[in-house]
Amino acid sequence: MNNYDKILNYAKENHGYITTKEAESLEVNSTFLSNLVTDNKLERVGVGIYKLPEYPIDHFYILSKSSKHMCYSHATALFLHNMSDRIPLVYDITVPYNYSGSLLNNEHVSLRYVKDDIFNLGMTDIKTMNDLPVKCYDVERTICDIIKDNKHMDKEIYTKALKWYAEKKDRDILKLVKYSQKMNIEQEVAEIMQVIL
């Protein structure tokens, strides 16, 4: 199998996408990626991110590849968990306090900064609608985030998400309490849960 086939096969198996880093892991030089773009067999959709032309653009996935130190949160996480039907126009992304990457200059991103000790709290992998994996906070962490930042949340999205959580059969109240303690919002979460449950 030649280098071009290696790239195209990998992209097909990865729902249409390949990164420069992934090409390197196949021991393929990035020049081959550029040549495939010239031949219209690949499209460059971000820094070091390529996709096959017949596959849809996945902004969630493309953004997620721009930094290792990011996680979808708040209203964007609600959408990824099917807790909101509002497609994000601006992506809510949480990063550590010392973050200084390319997302700072992206007008389609709303950054939230947290201390390192809670950055990884509740972080999980979730699939986008195109079946591509991205980092996103789990349901309980997302509920804690929106309660903590409720003054900056769209009221309709916020209310619907809490109602959805109240009706969710597999909700994990113990996990919610544990997260709320670590995030110093135990009282706020307890008061809201008493109302909705």
N, C-alpha and C. Protein backbone atom coordinates (compact mmCIF):
# COMPACT_ATOMS: atom_id res chain seq x y z
N MET A 1 0.85 -1.20 0.00
CA MET A 1 0.00 0.00 0.00
C MET A 1 0.89 1.25 0.00
N ASN A 2 0.63 2.16 -0.95
CA ASN A 2 1.46 3.37 -0.99
C ASN A 2 0.96 4.40 0.05
N ASN A 3 1.74 5.48 0.22
CA ASN A 3 1.44 6.46 1.26
C ASN A 3 0.09 7.16 1.05
N TYR A 4 -0.27 7.40 -0.21
CA TYR A 4 -1.56 8.05 -0.49
C TYR A 4 -2.72 7.15 -0.05
N ASP A 5 -2.62 5.87 -0.37
CA ASP A 5 -3.66 4.92 0.03
C ASP A 5 -3.75 4.80 1.55
N LYS A 6 -2.57 4.82 2.21
CA LYS A 6 -2.55 4.75 3.68
C LYS A 6 -3.37 5.89 4.29
N ILE A 7 -3.16 7.10 3.75
CA ILE A 7 -3.86 8.29 4.26
C ILE A 7 -5.35 8.18 4.00
N LEU A 8 -5.71 7.86 2.76
CA LEU A 8 -7.13 7.81 2.38
C LEU A 8 -7.88 6.71 3.13
N ASN A 9 -7.24 5.56 3.30
CA ASN A 9 -7.87 4.45 4.03
C ASN A 9 -8.07 4.81 5.50
N TYR A 10 -7.05 5.46 6.09
CA TYR A 10 -7.17 5.86 7.49
C TYR A 10 -8.33 6.84 7.65
N ALA A 11 -8.41 7.82 6.75
CA ALA A 11 -9.48 8.83 6.82
C ALA A 11 -10.85 8.17 6.69
N LYS A 12 -10.98 7.21 5.77
CA LYS A 12 -12.27 6.52 5.59
C LYS A 12 -12.68 5.80 6.87
N GLU A 13 -11.70 5.16 7.53
CA GLU A 13 -11.98 4.41 8.76
C GLU A 13 -12.28 5.35 9.93
N ASN A 14 -11.84 6.61 9.82
CA ASN A 14 -12.02 7.60 10.90
C ASN A 14 -13.12 8.60 10.53
N HIS A 15 -14.17 8.11 9.89
CA HIS A 15 -15.34 8.93 9.53
C HIS A 15 -14.96 10.16 8.70
N GLY A 16 -13.93 9.98 7.86
CA GLY A 16 -13.58 11.02 6.88
C GLY A 16 -12.44 11.94 7.27
N TYR A 17 -11.89 11.78 8.47
CA TYR A 17 -10.90 12.74 8.97
C TYR A 17 -9.52 12.12 9.23
N ILE A 18 -8.49 12.95 9.06
CA ILE A 18 -7.12 12.57 9.43
C ILE A 18 -6.36 13.84 9.82
N THR A 19 -5.49 13.72 10.80
CA THR A 19 -4.65 14.86 11.21
C THR A 19 -3.21 14.61 10.82
N THR A 20 -2.42 15.67 10.83
CA THR A 20 -0.98 15.54 10.52
C THR A 20 -0.34 14.55 11.49
N LYS A 21 -0.74 14.64 12.76
CA LYS A 21 -0.19 13.75 13.79
C LYS A 21 -0.52 12.29 13.49
N GLU A 22 -1.75 12.07 13.04
CA GLU A 22 -2.16 10.69 12.72
C GLU A 22 -1.40 10.18 11.49
N ALA A 23 -1.15 11.06 10.53
CA ALA A 23 -0.36 10.67 9.35
C ALA A 23 1.06 10.29 9.77
N GLU A 24 1.61 11.05 10.71
CA GLU A 24 2.96 10.75 11.22
C GLU A 24 3.00 9.38 11.88
N SER A 25 1.91 9.04 12.60
CA SER A 25 1.86 7.72 13.25
C SER A 25 1.82 6.59 12.22
N LEU A 26 1.38 6.92 11.00
CA LEU A 26 1.39 5.94 9.89
C LEU A 26 2.73 5.96 9.16
N GLU A 27 3.65 6.80 9.68
CA GLU A 27 4.99 7.01 9.07
C GLU A 27 4.87 7.59 7.67
N VAL A 28 3.96 8.58 7.55
CA VAL A 28 3.74 9.26 6.28
C VAL A 28 4.06 10.74 6.47
N ASN A 29 4.86 11.27 5.58
CA ASN A 29 5.25 12.68 5.63
C ASN A 29 4.05 13.58 5.28
N SER A 30 3.98 14.76 5.91
CA SER A 30 2.84 15.66 5.68
C SER A 30 2.77 16.19 4.25
N THR A 31 3.86 16.07 3.48
CA THR A 31 3.85 16.47 2.07
C THR A 31 2.79 15.69 1.30
N PHE A 32 2.59 14.43 1.66
CA PHE A 32 1.58 13.60 0.98
C PHE A 32 0.17 14.14 1.23
N LEU A 33 -0.06 14.68 2.44
CA LEU A 33 -1.36 15.30 2.73
C LEU A 33 -1.58 16.51 1.83
N SER A 34 -0.54 17.35 1.71
CA SER A 34 -0.63 18.55 0.85
C SER A 34 -0.89 18.17 -0.60
N ASN A 35 -0.24 17.11 -1.07
CA ASN A 35 -0.44 16.67 -2.46
C ASN A 35 -1.88 16.20 -2.69
N LEU A 36 -2.46 15.53 -1.69
CA LEU A 36 -3.84 15.07 -1.81
C LEU A 36 -4.82 16.25 -1.81
N VAL A 37 -4.47 17.33 -1.10
CA VAL A 37 -5.29 18.55 -1.12
C VAL A 37 -5.23 19.16 -2.52
N THR A 38 -4.03 19.22 -3.10
CA THR A 38 -3.84 19.77 -4.45
C THR A 38 -4.65 18.98 -5.47
N ASP A 39 -4.72 17.65 -5.25
CA ASP A 39 -5.47 16.78 -6.17
C ASP A 39 -6.97 16.71 -5.84
N ASN A 40 -7.42 17.53 -4.90
CA ASN A 40 -8.83 17.56 -4.47
C ASN A 40 -9.33 16.24 -3.88
N LYS A 41 -8.42 15.44 -3.36
CA LYS A 41 -8.82 14.19 -2.71
C LYS A 41 -8.96 14.36 -1.20
N LEU A 42 -8.41 15.47 -0.69
CA LEU A 42 -8.57 15.85 0.72
C LEU A 42 -8.84 17.33 0.79
N GLU A 43 -9.49 17.77 1.87
CA GLU A 43 -9.69 19.20 2.12
C GLU A 43 -9.03 19.54 3.46
N ARG A 44 -8.32 20.67 3.49
CA ARG A 44 -7.74 21.11 4.76
C ARG A 44 -8.82 21.93 5.48
N VAL A 45 -9.21 21.48 6.67
CA VAL A 45 -10.32 22.13 7.38
C VAL A 45 -9.88 22.82 8.68
N GLY A 46 -8.61 22.71 8.99
CA GLY A 46 -8.07 23.35 10.19
C GLY A 46 -6.57 23.17 10.20
N VAL A 47 -5.90 23.72 11.20
CA VAL A 47 -4.45 23.57 11.28
C VAL A 47 -4.13 22.10 11.54
N GLY A 48 -3.52 21.45 10.55
CA GLY A 48 -3.15 20.05 10.68
C GLY A 48 -4.32 19.08 10.67
N ILE A 49 -5.49 19.52 10.16
CA ILE A 49 -6.69 18.66 10.12
C ILE A 49 -7.23 18.61 8.70
N TYR A 50 -7.47 17.39 8.22
CA TYR A 50 -7.92 17.19 6.85
C TYR A 50 -9.14 16.26 6.85
N LYS A 51 -9.96 16.41 5.78
CA LYS A 51 -11.09 15.50 5.64
C LYS A 51 -11.32 15.14 4.18
N LEU A 52 -11.96 14.01 3.98
CA LEU A 52 -12.35 13.60 2.64
C LEU A 52 -13.51 14.49 2.18
N PRO A 53 -13.52 14.94 0.91
CA PRO A 53 -14.53 15.90 0.44
C PRO A 53 -15.98 15.44 0.62
N GLU A 54 -16.22 14.14 0.54
CA GLU A 54 -17.61 13.65 0.60
C GLU A 54 -18.17 13.59 2.02
N TYR A 55 -17.34 13.84 3.03
CA TYR A 55 -17.80 13.79 4.42
C TYR A 55 -18.18 15.19 4.91
N PRO A 56 -19.15 15.27 5.85
CA PRO A 56 -19.59 16.60 6.32
C PRO A 56 -18.55 17.27 7.21
N ILE A 57 -18.60 18.60 7.23
CA ILE A 57 -17.77 19.38 8.15
C ILE A 57 -18.29 19.14 9.56
N ASP A 58 -17.40 18.84 10.50
CA ASP A 58 -17.79 18.64 11.90
C ASP A 58 -17.01 19.64 12.75
N HIS A 59 -17.66 20.78 13.03
CA HIS A 59 -16.98 21.86 13.77
C HIS A 59 -16.61 21.42 15.19
N PHE A 60 -17.42 20.56 15.79
CA PHE A 60 -17.09 20.07 17.14
C PHE A 60 -15.75 19.34 17.12
N TYR A 61 -15.59 18.46 16.15
CA TYR A 61 -14.37 17.65 16.05
C TYR A 61 -13.16 18.52 15.68
N ILE A 62 -13.35 19.40 14.70
CA ILE A 62 -12.25 20.26 14.24
C ILE A 62 -11.74 21.13 15.39
N LEU A 63 -12.67 21.75 16.12
CA LEU A 63 -12.27 22.57 17.27
C LEU A 63 -11.57 21.74 18.33
N SER A 64 -12.07 20.54 18.56
CA SER A 64 -11.49 19.69 19.62
C SER A 64 -10.05 19.31 19.31
N LYS A 65 -9.69 19.29 18.03
CA LYS A 65 -8.33 18.94 17.63
C LYS A 65 -7.37 20.12 17.75
N SER A 66 -7.91 21.31 18.03
CA SER A 66 -7.03 22.49 18.09
C SER A 66 -6.29 22.59 19.42
N SER A 67 -6.70 21.80 20.42
CA SER A 67 -6.01 21.84 21.71
C SER A 67 -6.26 20.57 22.49
N LYS A 68 -5.22 20.08 23.17
CA LYS A 68 -5.38 18.91 24.05
C LYS A 68 -6.04 19.34 25.36
N HIS A 69 -5.92 20.63 25.68
CA HIS A 69 -6.38 21.14 26.98
C HIS A 69 -7.70 21.89 26.83
N MET A 70 -8.72 21.18 26.39
CA MET A 70 -10.04 21.79 26.24
C MET A 70 -11.12 20.74 26.46
N CYS A 71 -12.30 21.20 26.87
CA CYS A 71 -13.42 20.28 27.07
C CYS A 71 -14.72 21.04 26.81
N TYR A 72 -15.60 20.46 26.00
CA TYR A 72 -16.90 21.10 25.77
C TYR A 72 -17.71 21.12 27.07
N SER A 73 -18.37 22.26 27.32
CA SER A 73 -19.08 22.43 28.59
C SER A 73 -20.35 23.27 28.38
N HIS A 74 -21.07 23.50 29.48
CA HIS A 74 -22.23 24.38 29.51
C HIS A 74 -23.25 24.05 28.40
N ALA A 75 -23.72 25.06 27.66
CA ALA A 75 -24.78 24.83 26.66
C ALA A 75 -24.33 23.90 25.54
N THR A 76 -23.03 23.94 25.21
CA THR A 76 -22.52 23.05 24.16
C THR A 76 -22.55 21.60 24.62
N ALA A 77 -22.18 21.36 25.88
CA ALA A 77 -22.25 20.01 26.43
C ALA A 77 -23.71 19.54 26.49
N LEU A 78 -24.61 20.45 26.84
CA LEU A 78 -26.05 20.08 26.87
C LEU A 78 -26.49 19.59 25.49
N PHE A 79 -26.05 20.29 24.44
CA PHE A 79 -26.40 19.89 23.07
C PHE A 79 -25.82 18.51 22.74
N LEU A 80 -24.55 18.29 23.09
CA LEU A 80 -23.90 17.01 22.79
C LEU A 80 -24.55 15.84 23.55
N HIS A 81 -25.12 16.14 24.71
CA HIS A 81 -25.82 15.11 25.50
C HIS A 81 -27.31 15.01 25.14
N ASN A 82 -27.73 15.72 24.08
CA ASN A 82 -29.15 15.75 23.68
C ASN A 82 -30.05 16.30 24.77
N MET A 83 -29.51 17.19 25.61
CA MET A 83 -30.30 17.84 26.65
C MET A 83 -30.77 19.22 26.18
N SER A 84 -30.38 19.59 24.98
CA SER A 84 -30.81 20.85 24.38
C SER A 84 -30.87 20.65 22.88
N ASP A 85 -31.88 21.27 22.23
CA ASP A 85 -31.96 21.15 20.77
C ASP A 85 -31.43 22.41 20.09
N ARG A 86 -30.84 23.31 20.87
CA ARG A 86 -30.29 24.56 20.34
C ARG A 86 -28.87 24.32 19.82
N ILE A 87 -28.70 24.33 18.49
CA ILE A 87 -27.38 24.11 17.90
C ILE A 87 -26.49 25.30 18.26
N PRO A 88 -25.32 25.05 18.86
CA PRO A 88 -24.46 26.16 19.28
C PRO A 88 -23.95 26.99 18.09
N LEU A 89 -24.07 28.31 18.22
CA LEU A 89 -23.44 29.23 17.26
C LEU A 89 -22.08 29.65 17.81
N VAL A 90 -22.01 29.68 19.14
CA VAL A 90 -20.75 29.91 19.85
C VAL A 90 -20.54 28.69 20.74
N TYR A 91 -19.33 28.13 20.71
CA TYR A 91 -19.05 26.89 21.43
C TYR A 91 -18.52 27.20 22.82
N ASP A 92 -19.20 26.65 23.85
CA ASP A 92 -18.72 26.79 25.23
C ASP A 92 -17.62 25.76 25.46
N ILE A 93 -16.45 26.26 25.81
CA ILE A 93 -15.29 25.39 26.03
C ILE A 93 -14.62 25.78 27.33
N THR A 94 -14.33 24.79 28.17
CA THR A 94 -13.62 25.02 29.43
C THR A 94 -12.16 24.64 29.25
N VAL A 95 -11.30 25.50 29.79
CA VAL A 95 -9.85 25.29 29.71
C VAL A 95 -9.24 25.58 31.08
N PRO A 96 -8.01 25.11 31.33
CA PRO A 96 -7.34 25.45 32.59
C PRO A 96 -6.96 26.94 32.61
N TYR A 97 -6.78 27.50 33.82
CA TYR A 97 -6.46 28.92 33.97
C TYR A 97 -5.25 29.36 33.15
N ASN A 98 -4.25 28.47 33.04
CA ASN A 98 -3.01 28.87 32.35
C ASN A 98 -3.05 28.65 30.84
N TYR A 99 -4.25 28.37 30.29
CA TYR A 99 -4.37 28.11 28.85
C TYR A 99 -3.97 29.34 28.04
N SER A 100 -3.18 29.08 26.97
CA SER A 100 -2.75 30.22 26.12
C SER A 100 -2.73 29.83 24.63
N GLY A 101 -3.61 28.92 24.24
CA GLY A 101 -3.60 28.40 22.88
C GLY A 101 -4.45 29.18 21.88
N SER A 102 -4.67 28.56 20.72
CA SER A 102 -5.31 29.22 19.57
C SER A 102 -6.79 29.55 19.80
N LEU A 103 -7.43 28.88 20.75
CA LEU A 103 -8.86 29.14 20.99
C LEU A 103 -9.10 30.56 21.52
N LEU A 104 -8.07 31.17 22.08
CA LEU A 104 -8.19 32.54 22.61
C LEU A 104 -8.63 33.52 21.53
N ASN A 105 -8.23 33.26 20.28
CA ASN A 105 -8.50 34.18 19.18
C ASN A 105 -9.68 33.75 18.31
N ASN A 106 -10.43 32.76 18.76
CA ASN A 106 -11.54 32.25 17.95
C ASN A 106 -12.85 32.91 18.38
N GLU A 107 -13.44 33.69 17.48
CA GLU A 107 -14.66 34.44 17.82
C GLU A 107 -15.88 33.54 17.98
N HIS A 108 -15.76 32.27 17.58
CA HIS A 108 -16.88 31.33 17.71
C HIS A 108 -16.81 30.51 18.99
N VAL A 109 -15.91 30.91 19.89
CA VAL A 109 -15.68 30.16 21.12
C VAL A 109 -15.87 31.06 22.33
N SER A 110 -16.57 30.55 23.34
CA SER A 110 -16.68 31.23 24.63
C SER A 110 -15.90 30.39 25.64
N LEU A 111 -14.77 30.93 26.10
CA LEU A 111 -13.90 30.17 27.01
C LEU A 111 -14.30 30.37 28.46
N ARG A 112 -14.27 29.27 29.21
CA ARG A 112 -14.46 29.31 30.67
C ARG A 112 -13.16 28.77 31.28
N TYR A 113 -12.68 29.45 32.29
CA TYR A 113 -11.41 29.06 32.92
C TYR A 113 -11.67 28.44 34.28
N VAL A 114 -10.99 27.31 34.55
CA VAL A 114 -11.12 26.65 35.86
C VAL A 114 -9.75 26.25 36.37
N LYS A 115 -9.68 26.00 37.68
CA LYS A 115 -8.43 25.53 38.28
C LYS A 115 -8.13 24.12 37.79
N ASP A 116 -6.85 23.78 37.77
CA ASP A 116 -6.42 22.47 37.29
C ASP A 116 -7.12 21.32 38.01
N ASP A 117 -7.36 21.49 39.32
CA ASP A 117 -7.90 20.36 40.09
C ASP A 117 -9.34 20.01 39.72
N ILE A 118 -10.05 20.94 39.06
CA ILE A 118 -11.41 20.54 38.61
C ILE A 118 -11.54 20.50 37.08
N PHE A 119 -10.45 20.80 36.38
CA PHE A 119 -10.53 20.76 34.90
C PHE A 119 -10.92 19.37 34.40
N ASN A 120 -10.32 18.32 34.96
CA ASN A 120 -10.60 16.95 34.50
C ASN A 120 -11.82 16.31 35.15
N LEU A 121 -12.43 17.02 36.10
CA LEU A 121 -13.58 16.47 36.84
C LEU A 121 -14.76 16.22 35.89
N GLY A 122 -15.12 14.95 35.73
CA GLY A 122 -16.27 14.62 34.89
C GLY A 122 -16.00 14.64 33.39
N MET A 123 -14.73 14.76 33.01
CA MET A 123 -14.42 14.78 31.57
C MET A 123 -14.60 13.38 30.98
N THR A 124 -15.23 13.34 29.82
CA THR A 124 -15.48 12.05 29.19
C THR A 124 -15.40 12.20 27.67
N ASP A 125 -15.39 11.08 26.96
CA ASP A 125 -15.45 11.12 25.49
C ASP A 125 -16.90 10.95 25.07
N ILE A 126 -17.30 11.73 24.09
CA ILE A 126 -18.66 11.62 23.57
C ILE A 126 -18.57 11.70 22.04
N LYS A 127 -19.52 11.09 21.35
CA LYS A 127 -19.49 11.12 19.88
C LYS A 127 -20.34 12.29 19.36
N THR A 128 -19.82 12.96 18.34
CA THR A 128 -20.60 14.00 17.68
C THR A 128 -21.65 13.33 16.79
N MET A 129 -22.50 14.12 16.15
CA MET A 129 -23.53 13.53 15.28
C MET A 129 -22.91 12.81 14.08
N ASN A 130 -21.61 13.10 13.80
CA ASN A 130 -20.91 12.40 12.71
C ASN A 130 -20.08 11.24 13.24
N ASP A 131 -20.33 10.87 14.49
CA ASP A 131 -19.69 9.71 15.11
C ASP A 131 -18.20 9.90 15.37
N LEU A 132 -17.78 11.15 15.58
CA LEU A 132 -16.37 11.45 15.86
C LEU A 132 -16.22 11.78 17.34
N PRO A 133 -15.14 11.29 18.00
CA PRO A 133 -15.01 11.49 19.44
C PRO A 133 -14.48 12.88 19.81
N VAL A 134 -15.09 13.48 20.84
CA VAL A 134 -14.62 14.76 21.38
C VAL A 134 -14.68 14.70 22.91
N LYS A 135 -13.91 15.55 23.56
CA LYS A 135 -13.93 15.65 25.02
C LYS A 135 -15.11 16.54 25.45
N CYS A 136 -15.87 16.04 26.41
CA CYS A 136 -17.06 16.77 26.86
C CYS A 136 -17.27 16.39 28.33
N TYR A 137 -17.78 17.32 29.13
CA TYR A 137 -18.10 16.96 30.50
C TYR A 137 -19.34 16.08 30.54
N ASP A 138 -19.35 15.15 31.51
CA ASP A 138 -20.51 14.26 31.62
C ASP A 138 -21.73 15.04 32.11
N VAL A 139 -22.87 14.36 32.18
CA VAL A 139 -24.13 15.03 32.48
C VAL A 139 -24.09 15.73 33.84
N GLU A 140 -23.59 15.03 34.87
CA GLU A 140 -23.59 15.62 36.22
C GLU A 140 -22.67 16.84 36.32
N ARG A 141 -21.51 16.77 35.67
CA ARG A 141 -20.61 17.94 35.70
C ARG A 141 -21.27 19.10 34.94
N THR A 142 -21.94 18.79 33.85
CA THR A 142 -22.61 19.83 33.06
C THR A 142 -23.72 20.50 33.88
N ILE A 143 -24.48 19.71 34.62
CA ILE A 143 -25.52 20.27 35.49
C ILE A 143 -24.89 21.21 36.53
N CYS A 144 -23.78 20.77 37.12
CA CYS A 144 -23.07 21.63 38.09
C CYS A 144 -22.60 22.92 37.43
N ASP A 145 -22.06 22.82 36.23
CA ASP A 145 -21.56 24.00 35.51
C ASP A 145 -22.67 25.01 35.25
N ILE A 146 -23.83 24.52 34.79
CA ILE A 146 -24.89 25.48 34.44
C ILE A 146 -25.52 26.09 35.70
N ILE A 147 -25.54 25.33 36.79
CA ILE A 147 -26.04 25.90 38.05
C ILE A 147 -25.07 26.97 38.55
N LYS A 148 -23.78 26.66 38.48
CA LYS A 148 -22.76 27.62 38.94
C LYS A 148 -22.80 28.91 38.13
N ASP A 149 -23.02 28.77 36.81
CA ASP A 149 -23.01 29.94 35.91
C ASP A 149 -24.40 30.34 35.45
N ASN A 150 -25.42 30.05 36.26
CA ASN A 150 -26.80 30.25 35.80
C ASN A 150 -27.11 31.69 35.37
N LYS A 151 -26.41 32.66 35.94
CA LYS A 151 -26.66 34.06 35.57
C LYS A 151 -26.26 34.35 34.13
N HIS A 152 -25.34 33.53 33.58
CA HIS A 152 -24.87 33.74 32.21
C HIS A 152 -25.51 32.74 31.23
N MET A 153 -26.43 31.94 31.72
CA MET A 153 -27.07 30.94 30.87
C MET A 153 -28.37 31.49 30.27
N ASP A 154 -28.67 31.04 29.05
CA ASP A 154 -29.98 31.32 28.46
C ASP A 154 -31.03 30.63 29.34
N LYS A 155 -32.02 31.40 29.80
CA LYS A 155 -33.00 30.89 30.78
C LYS A 155 -33.77 29.67 30.27
N GLU A 156 -34.14 29.69 28.99
CA GLU A 156 -34.91 28.57 28.43
C GLU A 156 -34.06 27.30 28.39
N ILE A 157 -32.81 27.43 27.92
CA ILE A 157 -31.90 26.27 27.86
C ILE A 157 -31.68 25.72 29.28
N TYR A 158 -31.46 26.63 30.22
CA TYR A 158 -31.19 26.26 31.63
C TYR A 158 -32.37 25.49 32.23
N THR A 159 -33.56 26.04 32.08
CA THR A 159 -34.76 25.43 32.68
C THR A 159 -35.05 24.06 32.05
N LYS A 160 -34.94 23.99 30.72
CA LYS A 160 -35.20 22.71 30.03
C LYS A 160 -34.21 21.63 30.46
N ALA A 161 -32.94 22.02 30.63
CA ALA A 161 -31.89 21.06 31.01
C ALA A 161 -32.16 20.50 32.41
N LEU A 162 -32.56 21.36 33.34
CA LEU A 162 -32.86 20.89 34.71
C LEU A 162 -34.07 19.97 34.70
N LYS A 163 -35.08 20.32 33.90
CA LYS A 163 -36.28 19.48 33.80
C LYS A 163 -35.91 18.12 33.21
N TRP A 164 -35.07 18.15 32.18
CA TRP A 164 -34.62 16.91 31.53
C TRP A 164 -33.89 16.04 32.54
N TYR A 165 -33.01 16.66 33.35
CA TYR A 165 -32.24 15.90 34.35
C TYR A 165 -33.16 15.29 35.40
N ALA A 166 -34.18 16.05 35.81
CA ALA A 166 -35.13 15.56 36.81
C ALA A 166 -35.86 14.31 36.32
N GLU A 167 -36.09 14.24 35.00
CA GLU A 167 -36.83 13.11 34.42
C GLU A 167 -35.92 11.95 33.99
N LYS A 168 -34.61 12.19 34.04
CA LYS A 168 -33.64 11.19 33.57
C LYS A 168 -33.59 10.01 34.53
N LYS A 169 -33.85 8.80 34.02
CA LYS A 169 -33.92 7.62 34.88
C LYS A 169 -32.55 7.20 35.42
N ASP A 170 -31.51 7.41 34.64
CA ASP A 170 -30.18 6.94 35.08
C ASP A 170 -29.31 8.08 35.65
N ARG A 171 -29.96 9.12 36.18
CA ARG A 171 -29.18 10.21 36.78
C ARG A 171 -28.42 9.67 37.99
N ASP A 172 -27.27 10.28 38.28
CA ASP A 172 -26.41 9.82 39.37
C ASP A 172 -26.29 10.94 40.41
N ILE A 173 -27.21 10.95 41.36
CA ILE A 173 -27.25 12.02 42.36
C ILE A 173 -25.99 12.02 43.23
N LEU A 174 -25.46 10.84 43.54
CA LEU A 174 -24.24 10.77 44.36
C LEU A 174 -23.06 11.44 43.65
N LYS A 175 -22.97 11.20 42.36
CA LYS A 175 -21.92 11.83 41.57
C LYS A 175 -22.13 13.34 41.52
N LEU A 176 -23.37 13.76 41.35
CA LEU A 176 -23.72 15.19 41.31
C LEU A 176 -23.30 15.87 42.61
N VAL A 177 -23.59 15.22 43.74
CA VAL A 177 -23.22 15.78 45.06
C VAL A 177 -21.70 15.87 45.18
N LYS A 178 -21.00 14.81 44.76
CA LYS A 178 -19.53 14.78 44.85
C LYS A 178 -18.93 15.93 44.02
N TYR A 179 -19.43 16.10 42.80
CA TYR A 179 -18.94 17.19 41.95
C TYR A 179 -19.24 18.56 42.58
N SER A 180 -20.46 18.71 43.10
CA SER A 180 -20.86 20.01 43.67
C SER A 180 -19.98 20.37 44.86
N GLN A 181 -19.56 19.37 45.62
CA GLN A 181 -18.65 19.61 46.76
C GLN A 181 -17.29 20.11 46.26
N LYS A 182 -16.77 19.44 45.24
CA LYS A 182 -15.46 19.83 44.71
C LYS A 182 -15.50 21.21 44.06
N MET A 183 -16.68 21.59 43.55
CA MET A 183 -16.82 22.88 42.86
C MET A 183 -17.35 23.99 43.78
N ASN A 184 -17.49 23.65 45.09
CA ASN A 184 -17.95 24.62 46.11
C ASN A 184 -19.34 25.20 45.81
N ILE A 185 -20.23 24.36 45.30
CA ILE A 185 -21.61 24.82 45.02
C ILE A 185 -22.62 23.82 45.58
N GLU A 186 -22.21 23.13 46.66
CA GLU A 186 -23.05 22.07 47.21
C GLU A 186 -24.43 22.59 47.63
N GLN A 187 -24.46 23.74 48.28
CA GLN A 187 -25.74 24.28 48.75
C GLN A 187 -26.67 24.64 47.59
N GLU A 188 -26.13 25.33 46.58
CA GLU A 188 -26.95 25.73 45.42
C GLU A 188 -27.54 24.52 44.72
N VAL A 189 -26.69 23.49 44.53
CA VAL A 189 -27.15 22.28 43.84
C VAL A 189 -28.22 21.58 44.68
N ALA A 190 -27.98 21.47 46.00
CA ALA A 190 -28.95 20.80 46.88
C ALA A 190 -30.31 21.51 46.85
N GLU A 191 -30.29 22.85 46.88
CA GLU A 191 -31.55 23.62 46.87
C GLU A 191 -32.32 23.39 45.57
N ILE A 192 -31.60 23.40 44.44
CA ILE A 192 -32.27 23.21 43.14
C ILE A 192 -32.80 21.78 43.01
N MET A 193 -32.04 20.80 43.49
CA MET A 193 -32.48 19.41 43.40
C MET A 193 -33.74 19.18 44.26
N GLN A 194 -33.83 19.86 45.40
CA GLN A 194 -35.02 19.73 46.25
C GLN A 194 -36.27 20.23 45.53
N VAL A 195 -36.08 21.24 44.69
CA VAL A 195 -37.21 21.82 43.95
C VAL A 195 -37.63 20.93 42.78
N ILE A 196 -36.62 20.42 42.04
CA ILE A 196 -36.97 19.73 40.77
C ILE A 196 -37.20 18.23 40.91
N LEU A 197 -36.67 17.62 41.99
CA LEU A 197 -36.81 16.15 42.08
C LEU A 197 -38.04 15.76 42.90
